[in-house]
C-alpha cells in the first residue's frame, strides 16, 4: 500500500476541492482563493503547488481520466467472452462518461457562449491524448480477443486501430449529443435506446 506524504495529501485535498467547485460554479467563476479556502488553506499555499487555475483544472481532468479508464478496465475484466466485454465496455463507458458530463454540466452555458475554458489549450492536449491512448488499448484488446475466439471477423485485425477509434468516437458522440440535448433526452429510456442501437450496430458489424 502506497503511503502519501503530507504534501501529497494536501495536493489531493486541493484537487478534490477544485473538482467540486468546478462542478458547482464552473471554471470561470471558481478562483484560486475559493479552492484554497475550501480546505482551510491560504492562497499562497495553493500557489506552492500550482502556478495557475488552469494547472489545477488540468490535474482534475487527469485524475478523472484515470478514474474512467481504470473503472472501465476493471469492469471488462469480469467478462470472459469478447462480446460480453464489448457490451460491458459500451454500457459502462457510456455511464461513466455521462457522469463526467454531469460533473461539468454547469459549464454548458459557458461552452455555448464560447467563453475561454481551457479544454483544448496546449497543457490539456497531452492528458487527453494519454486518456485516448489508454482507452484505445482496452478496446483493441477486446477486439483482438474476439478475433482469436472467432467471435469477430478476422478482417478487424487488419484495421484494428481504425475500428477501435470508431467505437470510442461513437461513445463520445452519444455523450456529447446528450450533453447538448439534455432536455430532449431527459427520458432515461431514450438515452438507453441510443446506447442499445449503437451496441447492436457494432455487434452486427464485428461478428464473424
N, C-alpha and C. Protein backbone atom coordinates (compact mmCIF):
# COMPACT_ATOMS: atom_id res chain seq x y z
N UNK A 1 0.84 -1.21 0.00
CA UNK A 1 0.00 0.00 0.00
C UNK A 1 0.87 1.25 0.00
N UNK A 2 0.58 2.18 -0.91
CA UNK A 2 1.36 3.41 -1.03
C UNK A 2 0.89 4.42 0.01
N UNK A 3 1.86 4.93 0.80
CA UNK A 3 1.55 5.92 1.83
C UNK A 3 1.90 7.29 1.29
N UNK A 4 0.92 8.19 1.28
CA UNK A 4 1.14 9.53 0.77
C UNK A 4 1.88 10.40 1.77
N UNK A 5 2.73 11.28 1.25
CA UNK A 5 3.41 12.24 2.11
C UNK A 5 2.42 13.35 2.48
N UNK A 6 2.82 14.19 3.43
CA UNK A 6 1.96 15.29 3.86
C UNK A 6 1.65 16.21 2.68
N UNK A 7 2.66 16.50 1.86
CA UNK A 7 2.46 17.37 0.70
C UNK A 7 1.51 16.75 -0.31
N UNK A 8 1.64 15.45 -0.53
CA UNK A 8 0.76 14.75 -1.47
C UNK A 8 -0.68 14.75 -0.98
N UNK A 9 -0.86 14.62 0.33
CA UNK A 9 -2.20 14.64 0.90
C UNK A 9 -2.84 16.00 0.70
N UNK A 10 -2.08 17.06 0.95
CA UNK A 10 -2.61 18.42 0.77
C UNK A 10 -2.97 18.66 -0.68
N UNK A 11 -2.11 18.19 -1.60
CA UNK A 11 -2.39 18.38 -3.02
C UNK A 11 -3.66 17.65 -3.43
N UNK A 12 -3.87 16.45 -2.91
CA UNK A 12 -5.09 15.69 -3.19
C UNK A 12 -6.31 16.41 -2.64
N UNK A 13 -6.17 17.02 -1.49
CA UNK A 13 -7.27 17.78 -0.90
C UNK A 13 -7.63 18.98 -1.77
N UNK A 14 -6.62 19.65 -2.29
CA UNK A 14 -6.85 20.77 -3.20
C UNK A 14 -7.61 20.30 -4.45
N UNK A 15 -7.18 19.16 -5.01
CA UNK A 15 -7.82 18.65 -6.23
C UNK A 15 -9.28 18.27 -5.97
N UNK A 16 -9.53 17.63 -4.84
CA UNK A 16 -10.90 17.25 -4.51
C UNK A 16 -11.78 18.48 -4.35
N UNK A 17 -11.24 19.49 -3.69
CA UNK A 17 -12.00 20.74 -3.51
C UNK A 17 -12.24 21.42 -4.85
N UNK A 18 -11.21 21.47 -5.69
CA UNK A 18 -11.34 22.11 -7.00
C UNK A 18 -12.36 21.40 -7.86
N UNK A 19 -12.34 20.08 -7.82
CA UNK A 19 -13.29 19.30 -8.61
C UNK A 19 -14.73 19.66 -8.25
N UNK A 20 -15.00 19.76 -6.97
CA UNK A 20 -16.35 20.10 -6.52
C UNK A 20 -16.72 21.53 -6.90
N UNK A 21 -15.77 22.43 -6.79
CA UNK A 21 -16.05 23.83 -7.11
C UNK A 21 -16.28 24.03 -8.61
N UNK A 22 -15.46 23.37 -9.43
CA UNK A 22 -15.67 23.45 -10.88
C UNK A 22 -17.05 22.90 -11.24
N UNK A 23 -17.44 21.85 -10.53
CA UNK A 23 -18.76 21.25 -10.78
C UNK A 23 -19.87 22.23 -10.42
N UNK A 24 -19.71 22.87 -9.29
CA UNK A 24 -20.79 23.73 -8.80
C UNK A 24 -20.85 25.09 -9.49
N UNK A 25 -19.68 25.68 -9.74
CA UNK A 25 -19.67 27.06 -10.23
C UNK A 25 -19.09 27.22 -11.64
N UNK A 26 -18.43 26.19 -12.15
CA UNK A 26 -17.79 26.31 -13.46
C UNK A 26 -16.38 26.84 -13.34
N UNK A 27 -15.62 26.71 -14.41
CA UNK A 27 -14.21 27.11 -14.41
C UNK A 27 -14.05 28.62 -14.22
N UNK A 28 -14.82 29.40 -14.95
CA UNK A 28 -14.64 30.85 -14.94
C UNK A 28 -14.91 31.47 -13.57
N UNK A 29 -15.92 30.97 -12.89
CA UNK A 29 -16.34 31.59 -11.64
C UNK A 29 -15.58 31.07 -10.42
N UNK A 30 -14.83 30.02 -10.59
CA UNK A 30 -14.04 29.48 -9.49
C UNK A 30 -12.68 30.16 -9.46
N UNK A 31 -12.28 30.64 -8.28
CA UNK A 31 -11.00 31.32 -8.15
C UNK A 31 -10.01 30.46 -7.35
N UNK A 32 -8.74 30.81 -7.44
CA UNK A 32 -7.72 30.11 -6.66
C UNK A 32 -8.00 30.29 -5.17
N UNK A 33 -8.49 31.46 -4.80
CA UNK A 33 -8.82 31.70 -3.40
C UNK A 33 -9.95 30.80 -2.93
N UNK A 34 -10.94 30.56 -3.81
CA UNK A 34 -12.04 29.65 -3.47
C UNK A 34 -11.51 28.25 -3.18
N UNK A 35 -10.61 27.79 -4.04
CA UNK A 35 -10.06 26.43 -3.90
C UNK A 35 -9.28 26.31 -2.60
N UNK A 36 -8.45 27.31 -2.31
CA UNK A 36 -7.65 27.27 -1.09
C UNK A 36 -8.54 27.33 0.15
N UNK A 37 -9.52 28.24 0.12
CA UNK A 37 -10.41 28.40 1.29
C UNK A 37 -11.22 27.15 1.56
N UNK A 38 -11.52 26.39 0.51
CA UNK A 38 -12.35 25.19 0.67
C UNK A 38 -11.73 24.16 1.59
N UNK A 39 -10.40 24.16 1.70
CA UNK A 39 -9.76 23.21 2.62
C UNK A 39 -9.06 23.94 3.78
N UNK A 40 -9.44 25.21 3.95
CA UNK A 40 -8.91 25.97 5.08
C UNK A 40 -7.46 26.38 4.95
N UNK A 41 -7.00 26.55 3.71
CA UNK A 41 -5.62 26.97 3.49
C UNK A 41 -5.59 28.36 2.86
N UNK A 42 -4.44 29.00 2.95
CA UNK A 42 -4.28 30.29 2.31
C UNK A 42 -3.97 30.14 0.83
N UNK A 43 -4.22 31.20 0.07
CA UNK A 43 -3.98 31.14 -1.38
C UNK A 43 -2.51 30.90 -1.69
N UNK A 44 -1.62 31.40 -0.83
CA UNK A 44 -0.19 31.22 -1.05
C UNK A 44 0.20 29.75 -0.98
N UNK A 45 -0.50 29.00 -0.16
CA UNK A 45 -0.22 27.56 -0.06
C UNK A 45 -0.59 26.85 -1.35
N UNK A 46 -1.72 27.24 -1.93
CA UNK A 46 -2.15 26.64 -3.20
C UNK A 46 -1.15 26.97 -4.30
N UNK A 47 -0.63 28.21 -4.30
CA UNK A 47 0.33 28.61 -5.33
C UNK A 47 1.68 27.89 -5.17
N UNK A 48 1.90 27.30 -4.02
CA UNK A 48 3.10 26.47 -3.83
C UNK A 48 3.02 25.22 -4.71
N UNK A 49 1.79 24.74 -4.91
CA UNK A 49 1.58 23.52 -5.70
C UNK A 49 1.23 23.83 -7.16
N UNK A 50 0.53 24.92 -7.39
CA UNK A 50 0.06 25.24 -8.74
C UNK A 50 0.31 26.71 -9.07
N UNK A 51 0.76 26.95 -10.30
CA UNK A 51 1.03 28.31 -10.74
C UNK A 51 -0.24 29.04 -11.18
N UNK A 52 -1.25 28.27 -11.58
CA UNK A 52 -2.47 28.90 -12.10
C UNK A 52 -3.67 27.98 -11.93
N UNK A 53 -4.84 28.54 -12.13
CA UNK A 53 -6.08 27.77 -12.07
C UNK A 53 -6.14 26.73 -13.19
N UNK A 54 -5.58 27.08 -14.34
CA UNK A 54 -5.56 26.14 -15.46
C UNK A 54 -4.78 24.88 -15.13
N UNK A 55 -3.70 25.03 -14.37
CA UNK A 55 -2.92 23.86 -13.95
C UNK A 55 -3.72 22.98 -13.00
N UNK A 56 -4.50 23.60 -12.13
CA UNK A 56 -5.36 22.83 -11.22
C UNK A 56 -6.38 22.05 -12.03
N UNK A 57 -6.99 22.75 -12.99
CA UNK A 57 -8.01 22.13 -13.83
C UNK A 57 -7.42 20.96 -14.62
N UNK A 58 -6.21 21.13 -15.10
CA UNK A 58 -5.54 20.07 -15.84
C UNK A 58 -5.39 18.82 -14.99
N UNK A 59 -4.97 18.99 -13.74
CA UNK A 59 -4.80 17.83 -12.86
C UNK A 59 -6.13 17.18 -12.50
N UNK A 60 -7.18 17.98 -12.40
CA UNK A 60 -8.51 17.41 -12.15
C UNK A 60 -8.92 16.52 -13.32
N UNK A 61 -8.66 16.99 -14.55
CA UNK A 61 -9.00 16.20 -15.74
C UNK A 61 -8.17 14.93 -15.79
N UNK A 62 -6.87 15.03 -15.48
CA UNK A 62 -6.01 13.85 -15.48
C UNK A 62 -6.51 12.82 -14.47
N UNK A 63 -6.87 13.30 -13.29
CA UNK A 63 -7.37 12.39 -12.25
C UNK A 63 -8.65 11.69 -12.71
N UNK A 64 -9.57 12.46 -13.28
CA UNK A 64 -10.83 11.87 -13.72
C UNK A 64 -10.65 10.93 -14.90
N UNK A 65 -9.73 11.27 -15.79
CA UNK A 65 -9.44 10.40 -16.93
C UNK A 65 -8.92 9.06 -16.44
N UNK A 66 -8.04 9.09 -15.44
CA UNK A 66 -7.52 7.85 -14.86
C UNK A 66 -8.64 7.04 -14.22
N UNK A 67 -9.54 7.73 -13.54
CA UNK A 67 -10.65 7.04 -12.89
C UNK A 67 -11.54 6.34 -13.91
N UNK A 68 -11.80 7.03 -15.02
CA UNK A 68 -12.65 6.46 -16.08
C UNK A 68 -12.01 5.21 -16.66
N UNK A 69 -10.74 5.32 -17.06
CA UNK A 69 -10.05 4.20 -17.70
C UNK A 69 -9.92 3.02 -16.75
N UNK A 70 -9.53 3.28 -15.51
CA UNK A 70 -9.37 2.20 -14.54
C UNK A 70 -10.70 1.50 -14.25
N UNK A 71 -11.76 2.28 -14.13
CA UNK A 71 -13.08 1.70 -13.85
C UNK A 71 -13.57 0.85 -15.01
N UNK A 72 -13.39 1.36 -16.24
CA UNK A 72 -13.82 0.62 -17.42
C UNK A 72 -13.02 -0.67 -17.56
N UNK A 73 -11.72 -0.59 -17.34
CA UNK A 73 -10.86 -1.78 -17.45
C UNK A 73 -11.29 -2.85 -16.44
N UNK A 74 -11.49 -2.45 -15.20
CA UNK A 74 -11.89 -3.40 -14.16
C UNK A 74 -13.24 -4.04 -14.50
N UNK A 75 -14.14 -3.26 -15.05
CA UNK A 75 -15.46 -3.78 -15.39
C UNK A 75 -15.38 -4.83 -16.49
N UNK A 76 -14.54 -4.57 -17.49
CA UNK A 76 -14.44 -5.54 -18.61
C UNK A 76 -13.76 -6.83 -18.19
N UNK A 77 -12.96 -6.80 -17.14
CA UNK A 77 -12.27 -7.99 -16.70
C UNK A 77 -13.21 -9.03 -16.09
N UNK A 78 -14.42 -8.61 -15.78
CA UNK A 78 -15.38 -9.52 -15.15
C UNK A 78 -16.04 -10.46 -16.16
N UNK A 79 -15.87 -10.16 -17.45
CA UNK A 79 -16.46 -11.00 -18.51
C UNK A 79 -15.39 -11.85 -19.15
N UNK A 80 -15.80 -12.98 -19.74
CA UNK A 80 -14.85 -13.90 -20.36
C UNK A 80 -14.83 -13.76 -21.89
N UNK A 81 -16.00 -13.61 -22.50
CA UNK A 81 -16.04 -13.52 -23.96
C UNK A 81 -15.85 -12.08 -24.42
N UNK A 82 -15.40 -11.93 -25.66
CA UNK A 82 -15.18 -10.60 -26.22
C UNK A 82 -16.50 -9.85 -26.39
N UNK A 83 -17.55 -10.55 -26.77
CA UNK A 83 -18.86 -9.92 -26.95
C UNK A 83 -19.34 -9.34 -25.63
N UNK A 84 -19.20 -10.11 -24.54
CA UNK A 84 -19.61 -9.63 -23.23
C UNK A 84 -18.75 -8.45 -22.79
N UNK A 85 -17.45 -8.54 -23.06
CA UNK A 85 -16.55 -7.45 -22.70
C UNK A 85 -16.94 -6.17 -23.45
N UNK A 86 -17.28 -6.33 -24.73
CA UNK A 86 -17.66 -5.16 -25.52
C UNK A 86 -18.95 -4.55 -25.00
N UNK A 87 -19.91 -5.40 -24.64
CA UNK A 87 -21.17 -4.91 -24.08
C UNK A 87 -20.92 -4.12 -22.80
N UNK A 88 -20.09 -4.69 -21.93
CA UNK A 88 -19.78 -4.04 -20.66
C UNK A 88 -19.04 -2.73 -20.92
N UNK A 89 -18.10 -2.77 -21.86
CA UNK A 89 -17.34 -1.56 -22.17
C UNK A 89 -18.27 -0.44 -22.64
N UNK A 90 -19.13 -0.76 -23.59
CA UNK A 90 -20.02 0.26 -24.14
C UNK A 90 -20.94 0.85 -23.07
N UNK A 91 -21.57 -0.04 -22.32
CA UNK A 91 -22.53 0.42 -21.32
C UNK A 91 -21.83 1.14 -20.17
N UNK A 92 -20.74 0.53 -19.69
CA UNK A 92 -20.05 1.11 -18.54
C UNK A 92 -19.33 2.39 -18.92
N UNK A 93 -18.71 2.38 -20.10
CA UNK A 93 -18.00 3.58 -20.57
C UNK A 93 -18.98 4.73 -20.76
N UNK A 94 -20.13 4.44 -21.34
CA UNK A 94 -21.13 5.48 -21.55
C UNK A 94 -21.61 6.06 -20.22
N UNK A 95 -21.92 5.17 -19.28
CA UNK A 95 -22.41 5.64 -17.98
C UNK A 95 -21.35 6.49 -17.28
N UNK A 96 -20.08 6.05 -17.39
CA UNK A 96 -19.00 6.79 -16.75
C UNK A 96 -18.82 8.15 -17.39
N UNK A 97 -18.79 8.18 -18.73
CA UNK A 97 -18.66 9.45 -19.43
C UNK A 97 -19.85 10.36 -19.13
N UNK A 98 -21.03 9.75 -19.05
CA UNK A 98 -22.24 10.53 -18.75
C UNK A 98 -22.11 11.20 -17.38
N UNK A 99 -21.52 10.49 -16.43
CA UNK A 99 -21.36 11.07 -15.10
C UNK A 99 -20.38 12.24 -15.14
N UNK A 100 -19.38 12.16 -16.03
CA UNK A 100 -18.45 13.27 -16.15
C UNK A 100 -19.11 14.46 -16.84
N UNK A 101 -20.00 14.18 -17.77
CA UNK A 101 -20.77 15.26 -18.39
C UNK A 101 -21.60 15.97 -17.32
N UNK A 102 -22.19 15.19 -16.45
CA UNK A 102 -22.98 15.79 -15.37
C UNK A 102 -22.08 16.62 -14.45
N UNK A 103 -20.86 16.11 -14.23
CA UNK A 103 -19.92 16.81 -13.35
C UNK A 103 -19.64 18.20 -13.86
N UNK A 104 -19.48 18.33 -15.17
CA UNK A 104 -19.20 19.64 -15.74
C UNK A 104 -20.43 20.24 -16.43
N UNK A 105 -21.58 19.74 -16.04
CA UNK A 105 -22.82 20.22 -16.65
C UNK A 105 -23.03 21.70 -16.48
N UNK A 106 -22.57 22.25 -15.35
CA UNK A 106 -22.76 23.68 -15.12
C UNK A 106 -21.91 24.51 -16.08
N UNK A 107 -20.96 23.89 -16.77
CA UNK A 107 -20.14 24.62 -17.73
C UNK A 107 -20.81 24.73 -19.09
N UNK A 108 -21.97 24.10 -19.23
CA UNK A 108 -22.62 24.08 -20.54
C UNK A 108 -22.87 25.48 -21.07
N UNK A 109 -23.41 26.36 -20.24
CA UNK A 109 -23.69 27.72 -20.69
C UNK A 109 -22.42 28.44 -21.10
N UNK A 110 -21.33 28.20 -20.36
CA UNK A 110 -20.06 28.84 -20.67
C UNK A 110 -19.55 28.35 -22.01
N UNK A 111 -19.69 27.05 -22.27
CA UNK A 111 -19.24 26.47 -23.54
C UNK A 111 -20.05 27.04 -24.71
N UNK A 112 -21.35 27.11 -24.51
CA UNK A 112 -22.22 27.61 -25.58
C UNK A 112 -21.95 29.08 -25.89
N UNK A 113 -21.54 29.81 -24.86
CA UNK A 113 -21.23 31.22 -25.06
C UNK A 113 -19.83 31.42 -25.63
N UNK A 114 -19.09 30.31 -25.72
CA UNK A 114 -17.75 30.37 -26.29
C UNK A 114 -16.73 31.00 -25.36
N UNK A 115 -16.96 30.92 -24.07
CA UNK A 115 -16.02 31.52 -23.14
C UNK A 115 -14.73 30.70 -23.08
N UNK A 116 -13.72 31.30 -22.51
CA UNK A 116 -12.37 30.74 -22.59
C UNK A 116 -12.14 29.66 -21.54
N UNK A 117 -12.58 28.45 -21.82
CA UNK A 117 -12.34 27.32 -20.93
C UNK A 117 -11.25 26.45 -21.54
N UNK A 118 -10.24 26.06 -20.75
CA UNK A 118 -9.01 25.50 -21.31
C UNK A 118 -9.05 24.03 -21.67
N UNK A 119 -10.15 23.53 -22.26
CA UNK A 119 -10.20 22.12 -22.63
C UNK A 119 -9.14 21.78 -23.67
N UNK A 120 -8.92 22.67 -24.62
CA UNK A 120 -8.05 22.34 -25.73
C UNK A 120 -6.83 23.27 -25.82
N UNK A 121 -6.49 23.90 -24.74
CA UNK A 121 -5.24 24.62 -24.70
C UNK A 121 -4.10 23.60 -24.73
N UNK A 122 -2.90 24.01 -25.13
CA UNK A 122 -1.76 23.08 -25.18
C UNK A 122 -1.55 22.23 -23.92
N UNK A 123 -1.68 22.79 -22.69
CA UNK A 123 -1.47 21.95 -21.50
C UNK A 123 -2.47 20.81 -21.38
N UNK A 124 -3.66 20.96 -22.01
CA UNK A 124 -4.69 19.95 -21.88
C UNK A 124 -4.59 18.87 -22.95
N UNK A 125 -3.86 19.15 -24.03
CA UNK A 125 -3.82 18.22 -25.15
C UNK A 125 -3.17 16.89 -24.78
N UNK A 126 -2.04 16.94 -24.09
CA UNK A 126 -1.32 15.71 -23.76
C UNK A 126 -2.11 14.79 -22.83
N UNK A 127 -2.71 15.31 -21.74
CA UNK A 127 -3.54 14.43 -20.90
C UNK A 127 -4.67 13.77 -21.67
N UNK A 128 -5.31 14.52 -22.57
CA UNK A 128 -6.40 13.95 -23.35
C UNK A 128 -5.88 12.89 -24.32
N UNK A 129 -4.69 13.11 -24.86
CA UNK A 129 -4.08 12.10 -25.74
C UNK A 129 -3.79 10.82 -24.98
N UNK A 130 -3.25 10.95 -23.77
CA UNK A 130 -2.94 9.77 -22.96
C UNK A 130 -4.20 9.01 -22.58
N UNK A 131 -5.26 9.75 -22.27
CA UNK A 131 -6.54 9.13 -21.94
C UNK A 131 -7.05 8.32 -23.13
N UNK A 132 -7.01 8.92 -24.32
CA UNK A 132 -7.47 8.24 -25.53
C UNK A 132 -6.60 7.03 -25.84
N UNK A 133 -5.31 7.16 -25.63
CA UNK A 133 -4.39 6.04 -25.90
C UNK A 133 -4.70 4.85 -25.01
N UNK A 134 -4.95 5.09 -23.74
CA UNK A 134 -5.26 4.00 -22.81
C UNK A 134 -6.61 3.37 -23.12
N UNK A 135 -7.57 4.22 -23.47
CA UNK A 135 -8.90 3.71 -23.81
C UNK A 135 -8.84 2.89 -25.10
N UNK A 136 -8.05 3.36 -26.05
CA UNK A 136 -7.86 2.62 -27.30
C UNK A 136 -7.31 1.23 -27.06
N UNK A 137 -6.38 1.12 -26.13
CA UNK A 137 -5.77 -0.18 -25.85
C UNK A 137 -6.78 -1.16 -25.28
N UNK A 138 -7.66 -0.67 -24.43
CA UNK A 138 -8.71 -1.53 -23.87
C UNK A 138 -9.59 -2.09 -24.98
N UNK A 139 -10.02 -1.20 -25.88
CA UNK A 139 -10.90 -1.62 -26.97
C UNK A 139 -10.18 -2.57 -27.92
N UNK A 140 -8.93 -2.27 -28.25
CA UNK A 140 -8.17 -3.14 -29.16
C UNK A 140 -7.99 -4.53 -28.57
N UNK A 141 -7.73 -4.60 -27.28
CA UNK A 141 -7.57 -5.91 -26.62
C UNK A 141 -8.86 -6.73 -26.72
N UNK A 142 -10.00 -6.05 -26.56
CA UNK A 142 -11.29 -6.74 -26.66
C UNK A 142 -11.51 -7.24 -28.09
N UNK A 143 -11.21 -6.39 -29.06
CA UNK A 143 -11.41 -6.76 -30.45
C UNK A 143 -10.50 -7.92 -30.86
N UNK A 144 -9.25 -7.88 -30.44
CA UNK A 144 -8.31 -8.95 -30.78
C UNK A 144 -8.71 -10.27 -30.11
N UNK A 145 -9.23 -10.19 -28.90
CA UNK A 145 -9.72 -11.40 -28.23
C UNK A 145 -10.88 -11.98 -29.02
N UNK A 146 -11.74 -11.10 -29.52
CA UNK A 146 -12.88 -11.55 -30.31
C UNK A 146 -12.45 -12.26 -31.58
N UNK A 147 -11.40 -11.74 -32.22
CA UNK A 147 -10.88 -12.39 -33.43
C UNK A 147 -10.28 -13.74 -33.08
N UNK A 148 -9.52 -13.78 -32.00
CA UNK A 148 -8.88 -15.03 -31.56
C UNK A 148 -9.92 -16.09 -31.22
N UNK A 149 -11.01 -15.69 -30.61
CA UNK A 149 -12.07 -16.63 -30.22
C UNK A 149 -13.07 -16.88 -31.34
N UNK A 150 -12.82 -16.25 -32.49
CA UNK A 150 -13.70 -16.37 -33.65
C UNK A 150 -15.10 -15.82 -33.37
N UNK A 151 -15.17 -14.86 -32.47
CA UNK A 151 -16.43 -14.16 -32.21
C UNK A 151 -16.60 -13.01 -33.20
N UNK A 152 -15.47 -12.40 -33.58
CA UNK A 152 -15.48 -11.28 -34.51
C UNK A 152 -14.74 -11.68 -35.79
N UNK A 153 -15.09 -11.02 -36.87
CA UNK A 153 -14.45 -11.30 -38.14
C UNK A 153 -12.95 -11.00 -38.12
N UNK A 154 -12.17 -11.84 -38.79
CA UNK A 154 -10.71 -11.67 -38.81
C UNK A 154 -10.30 -10.39 -39.51
N UNK A 155 -11.17 -9.82 -40.33
CA UNK A 155 -10.85 -8.59 -41.06
C UNK A 155 -10.59 -7.41 -40.11
N UNK A 156 -11.13 -7.51 -38.92
CA UNK A 156 -10.95 -6.45 -37.93
C UNK A 156 -9.47 -6.24 -37.65
N UNK A 157 -8.73 -7.35 -37.60
CA UNK A 157 -7.32 -7.28 -37.24
C UNK A 157 -6.53 -6.40 -38.20
N UNK A 158 -6.95 -6.37 -39.46
CA UNK A 158 -6.25 -5.59 -40.47
C UNK A 158 -6.47 -4.09 -40.29
N UNK A 159 -7.58 -3.73 -39.62
CA UNK A 159 -7.92 -2.31 -39.41
C UNK A 159 -8.20 -2.04 -37.94
N UNK A 160 -7.43 -2.68 -37.07
CA UNK A 160 -7.72 -2.65 -35.64
C UNK A 160 -7.72 -1.23 -35.08
N UNK A 161 -6.77 -0.40 -35.50
CA UNK A 161 -6.71 0.97 -34.98
C UNK A 161 -7.92 1.79 -35.39
N UNK A 162 -8.32 1.63 -36.64
CA UNK A 162 -9.47 2.38 -37.16
C UNK A 162 -10.76 1.94 -36.47
N UNK A 163 -10.96 0.62 -36.34
CA UNK A 163 -12.18 0.11 -35.70
C UNK A 163 -12.26 0.57 -34.25
N UNK A 164 -11.13 0.52 -33.56
CA UNK A 164 -11.09 0.96 -32.16
C UNK A 164 -11.47 2.43 -32.05
N UNK A 165 -10.94 3.25 -32.95
CA UNK A 165 -11.26 4.69 -32.94
C UNK A 165 -12.74 4.93 -33.19
N UNK A 166 -13.34 4.14 -34.09
CA UNK A 166 -14.76 4.29 -34.41
C UNK A 166 -15.61 3.96 -33.19
N UNK A 167 -15.25 2.89 -32.48
CA UNK A 167 -16.01 2.50 -31.28
C UNK A 167 -15.97 3.62 -30.24
N UNK A 168 -14.78 4.13 -29.99
CA UNK A 168 -14.61 5.16 -28.97
C UNK A 168 -15.30 6.46 -29.39
N UNK A 169 -15.13 6.83 -30.65
CA UNK A 169 -15.76 8.06 -31.14
C UNK A 169 -17.27 7.98 -31.07
N UNK A 170 -17.82 6.80 -31.29
CA UNK A 170 -19.27 6.62 -31.23
C UNK A 170 -19.78 6.86 -29.81
N UNK A 171 -19.08 6.32 -28.83
CA UNK A 171 -19.48 6.50 -27.44
C UNK A 171 -19.40 7.98 -27.06
N UNK A 172 -18.31 8.62 -27.44
CA UNK A 172 -18.16 10.02 -27.09
C UNK A 172 -19.18 10.89 -27.81
N UNK A 173 -19.51 10.48 -29.04
CA UNK A 173 -20.51 11.22 -29.80
C UNK A 173 -21.85 11.22 -29.11
N UNK A 174 -22.24 10.07 -28.58
CA UNK A 174 -23.52 9.97 -27.87
C UNK A 174 -23.47 10.83 -26.60
N UNK A 175 -22.33 10.77 -25.89
CA UNK A 175 -22.21 11.56 -24.66
C UNK A 175 -22.34 13.05 -24.95
N UNK A 176 -21.68 13.51 -26.00
CA UNK A 176 -21.76 14.93 -26.37
C UNK A 176 -23.18 15.29 -26.80
N UNK A 177 -23.81 14.39 -27.57
CA UNK A 177 -25.18 14.63 -28.02
C UNK A 177 -26.12 14.80 -26.82
N UNK A 178 -25.97 13.94 -25.84
CA UNK A 178 -26.81 14.03 -24.65
C UNK A 178 -26.51 15.30 -23.86
N UNK A 179 -25.25 15.70 -23.89
CA UNK A 179 -24.85 16.91 -23.16
C UNK A 179 -25.57 18.14 -23.70
N UNK A 180 -25.66 18.24 -25.03
CA UNK A 180 -26.26 19.41 -25.64
C UNK A 180 -27.75 19.26 -25.92
N UNK A 181 -28.30 18.09 -25.64
CA UNK A 181 -29.73 17.86 -25.85
C UNK A 181 -30.36 17.22 -24.62
N UNK A 182 -29.93 17.68 -23.44
CA UNK A 182 -30.36 17.03 -22.21
C UNK A 182 -31.86 17.14 -21.98
N UNK A 183 -32.49 18.22 -22.40
CA UNK A 183 -33.94 18.34 -22.21
C UNK A 183 -34.69 17.38 -23.12
N UNK A 184 -34.24 17.32 -24.36
CA UNK A 184 -34.88 16.42 -25.33
C UNK A 184 -34.73 14.97 -24.92
N UNK A 185 -33.58 14.63 -24.31
CA UNK A 185 -33.30 13.25 -23.93
C UNK A 185 -33.43 13.04 -22.42
N UNK A 186 -34.28 13.85 -21.79
CA UNK A 186 -34.42 13.74 -20.34
C UNK A 186 -34.97 12.39 -19.93
N UNK A 187 -35.77 11.78 -20.81
CA UNK A 187 -36.32 10.47 -20.51
C UNK A 187 -35.21 9.44 -20.57
N UNK A 188 -35.01 8.71 -19.47
CA UNK A 188 -33.91 7.75 -19.38
C UNK A 188 -33.98 6.70 -20.46
N UNK A 189 -35.18 6.27 -20.83
CA UNK A 189 -35.33 5.22 -21.83
C UNK A 189 -34.78 5.68 -23.18
N UNK A 190 -34.92 6.96 -23.49
CA UNK A 190 -34.41 7.48 -24.76
C UNK A 190 -32.89 7.42 -24.77
N UNK A 191 -32.27 7.69 -23.64
CA UNK A 191 -30.82 7.61 -23.54
C UNK A 191 -30.37 6.16 -23.72
N UNK A 192 -31.05 5.26 -23.07
CA UNK A 192 -30.69 3.85 -23.17
C UNK A 192 -30.91 3.34 -24.59
N UNK A 193 -31.93 3.85 -25.26
CA UNK A 193 -32.19 3.44 -26.65
C UNK A 193 -31.00 3.76 -27.54
N UNK A 194 -30.43 4.93 -27.36
CA UNK A 194 -29.29 5.33 -28.18
C UNK A 194 -28.10 4.41 -27.97
N UNK A 195 -27.86 4.06 -26.73
CA UNK A 195 -26.75 3.16 -26.42
C UNK A 195 -27.02 1.77 -26.99
N UNK A 196 -28.24 1.29 -26.85
CA UNK A 196 -28.58 -0.05 -27.35
C UNK A 196 -28.50 -0.14 -28.87
N UNK A 197 -28.91 0.92 -29.56
CA UNK A 197 -28.81 0.94 -31.02
C UNK A 197 -27.35 0.85 -31.44
N UNK A 198 -26.50 1.63 -30.79
CA UNK A 198 -25.07 1.59 -31.10
C UNK A 198 -24.50 0.21 -30.83
N UNK A 199 -24.89 -0.37 -29.72
CA UNK A 199 -24.40 -1.70 -29.36
C UNK A 199 -24.78 -2.74 -30.40
N UNK A 200 -26.02 -2.71 -30.84
CA UNK A 200 -26.50 -3.66 -31.83
C UNK A 200 -25.78 -3.49 -33.18
N UNK A 201 -25.58 -2.25 -33.58
CA UNK A 201 -24.89 -1.97 -34.85
C UNK A 201 -23.45 -2.47 -34.81
N UNK A 202 -22.77 -2.21 -33.71
CA UNK A 202 -21.38 -2.64 -33.59
C UNK A 202 -21.26 -4.16 -33.58
N UNK A 203 -22.14 -4.80 -32.84
CA UNK A 203 -22.08 -6.26 -32.78
C UNK A 203 -22.31 -6.91 -34.14
N UNK A 204 -23.27 -6.38 -34.89
CA UNK A 204 -23.55 -6.93 -36.22
C UNK A 204 -22.35 -6.74 -37.17
N UNK A 205 -21.71 -5.58 -37.04
CA UNK A 205 -20.59 -5.30 -37.93
C UNK A 205 -19.33 -6.05 -37.56
N UNK A 206 -19.19 -6.41 -36.31
CA UNK A 206 -17.97 -7.07 -35.85
C UNK A 206 -18.00 -8.58 -35.92
N UNK A 207 -19.20 -9.15 -35.83
CA UNK A 207 -19.29 -10.60 -35.72
C UNK A 207 -18.81 -11.31 -36.99
N UNK A 208 -18.17 -12.45 -36.75
CA UNK A 208 -17.65 -13.27 -37.86
C UNK A 208 -18.79 -13.95 -38.58
